[in-house]
Protein backbone atom coordinates (compact mmCIF):
# COMPACT_ATOMS: atom_id res chain seq x y z
CA MET A 1 215.30 15.69 122.85
CA ILE A 2 215.86 14.58 119.32
CA ILE A 3 214.63 11.19 119.83
CA TYR A 4 211.11 12.44 120.96
CA GLY A 5 210.67 14.07 117.74
CA THR A 6 211.61 11.04 115.73
CA ALA A 7 209.23 8.88 118.01
CA LEU A 8 206.32 11.16 117.52
CA LEU A 9 207.15 11.05 113.56
CA SER A 10 207.22 6.93 113.83
CA ILE A 11 204.12 6.82 115.81
CA CYS A 12 202.03 9.06 113.67
CA LEU A 13 203.43 7.25 110.34
CA LEU A 14 202.35 3.69 112.02
CA LEU A 15 198.85 5.10 113.06
CA GLY A 16 198.35 6.71 109.39
CA LEU A 17 199.54 3.55 107.86
CA THR A 18 197.18 1.69 109.83
CA ILE A 19 194.56 3.72 109.32
CA GLY A 20 194.94 3.91 105.55
CA ARG A 21 194.75 -0.04 105.50
CA MET A 22 191.62 -0.01 107.46
CA LEU A 23 190.49 2.22 104.97
CA GLY A 24 191.53 0.04 102.19
CA ASN A 25 189.75 -2.94 103.67
CA LEU A 26 186.49 -1.43 104.12
CA ALA A 27 186.87 -0.07 100.63
CA GLY A 28 187.27 -3.64 99.62
CA VAL A 29 190.83 -3.33 97.73
CA ASP A 30 193.97 -4.69 99.45
CA ALA A 31 196.03 -1.40 99.53
CA ASP A 32 196.53 1.29 101.78
CA ILE A 33 194.17 4.27 101.11
CA GLY A 34 195.79 7.52 102.26
CA GLY A 35 198.10 6.29 104.93
CA VAL A 36 201.00 8.60 104.36
CA GLY A 37 198.71 11.61 104.13
CA ILE A 38 197.21 10.64 107.22
CA SER A 39 200.35 10.27 108.93
CA MET A 40 201.26 13.97 107.56
CA LEU A 41 197.73 15.06 109.10
CA LEU A 42 198.47 13.51 112.52
CA LEU A 43 202.29 14.94 112.78
CA ILE A 44 200.92 18.09 112.18
CA LEU A 45 197.68 18.29 114.42
CA SER A 46 200.34 16.59 117.10
CA CYS A 47 202.73 19.25 116.63
CA ASP A 48 200.14 22.11 116.93
CA TYR A 49 198.95 20.60 119.90
CA LEU A 50 202.13 20.23 121.69
CA GLN A 51 203.28 23.78 120.48
CA ARG A 52 200.17 25.16 121.81
CA THR A 53 200.52 23.62 125.17
CA GLY A 54 203.76 24.21 125.80
CA ARG A 55 205.28 20.76 125.58
CA MET A 56 207.28 21.11 122.20
CA LYS A 57 210.97 21.86 123.12
CA PRO A 58 213.43 22.73 120.39
CA PRO A 59 215.10 19.59 120.46
CA THR A 60 212.23 17.70 119.78
CA GLU A 61 211.28 20.16 116.79
CA ALA A 62 214.80 19.39 115.48
CA GLY A 63 214.01 15.71 115.77
CA ILE A 64 210.91 16.26 113.76
CA ALA A 65 212.51 18.61 111.16
CA PHE A 66 215.33 15.92 110.39
CA TRP A 67 213.27 13.41 109.75
CA GLY A 68 210.60 15.24 108.33
CA SER A 69 213.09 16.91 105.59
CA ILE A 70 214.79 13.41 104.56
CA TYR A 71 212.01 10.56 105.24
CA ILE A 72 208.40 11.75 104.35
CA PRO A 73 209.31 13.07 100.86
CA ILE A 74 211.08 9.38 99.81
CA VAL A 75 207.67 7.82 101.13
CA VAL A 76 205.79 10.55 99.36
CA ALA A 77 208.02 9.61 96.00
CA MET A 78 207.25 5.95 96.77
CA ALA A 79 203.65 6.35 97.10
CA ALA A 80 203.24 8.38 94.22
CA SER A 81 205.33 6.03 92.04
CA GLN A 82 203.34 3.13 93.08
CA ASN A 83 200.06 5.00 92.14
CA VAL A 84 201.33 6.05 88.56
CA LEU A 85 202.10 1.96 88.18
CA ALA A 86 198.80 1.24 89.71
CA ALA A 87 197.23 3.81 87.08
CA LEU A 88 199.35 2.37 83.84
CA GLN A 89 197.99 -1.19 84.86
CA GLY A 90 194.57 -0.07 85.72
CA GLY A 91 193.68 1.22 82.08
CA ALA A 92 192.69 3.80 80.30
CA VAL A 93 189.89 5.19 82.97
CA ALA A 94 192.71 5.39 85.49
CA LEU A 95 194.61 7.18 83.56
CA LEU A 96 191.88 9.70 82.24
CA ALA A 97 190.96 10.29 86.18
CA GLY A 98 194.71 11.01 86.90
CA THR A 99 195.27 13.41 83.98
CA LEU A 100 191.80 15.11 85.13
CA THR A 101 192.74 15.44 88.84
CA VAL A 102 195.97 17.13 88.10
CA GLY A 103 194.65 19.17 85.24
CA ALA A 104 192.00 20.34 87.89
CA SER A 105 194.54 20.96 90.39
CA PHE A 106 196.69 23.07 88.23
CA ALA A 107 193.63 25.00 87.14
CA LEU A 108 192.83 25.82 90.83
CA VAL A 109 196.32 27.04 91.81
CA GLY A 110 195.49 30.39 89.88
CA PHE A 111 192.27 30.61 91.43
CA PHE A 112 193.58 30.16 94.94
CA VAL A 113 196.20 32.56 94.17
CA LYS A 114 194.07 34.90 93.07
CA ALA A 115 191.67 34.51 96.01
CA GLY A 116 194.48 34.98 98.61
CA ASN A 117 195.80 38.03 96.76
CA SER A 118 192.38 39.87 96.68
CA ASN A 119 191.88 39.09 100.69
CA SER A 120 195.16 40.03 101.48
CA PRO A 121 195.30 43.17 103.95
CA ALA A 122 198.01 45.22 101.70
CA ASN A 123 195.13 45.04 99.08
CA GLY A 124 192.39 45.62 101.03
């Protein structure tokens, strides 16, 4: 049923945020480190497991798809805006690190596109 998909998403989110908080405490900061990303990985792994074992029913998938299309982008946007605010308050080093990371990510997109095209069966 749809409620099972919602429950699975909620469990993954709560676990991810808890693990992110624990990672923050281990790193000595009072913040969530990667909680939303961990939640997404847990959701992907649990959905994959349920599909491989035949336990993922279409209504359950519908519940996950519904909340995934609405809730996760909102949480990611909120986390991104918090990161930008923290970087602005953190000074030049935080801004430089963020700028370099975004630049490296943009540069790697082209590399991965070329690598993917050269390894595809159509070009092979």
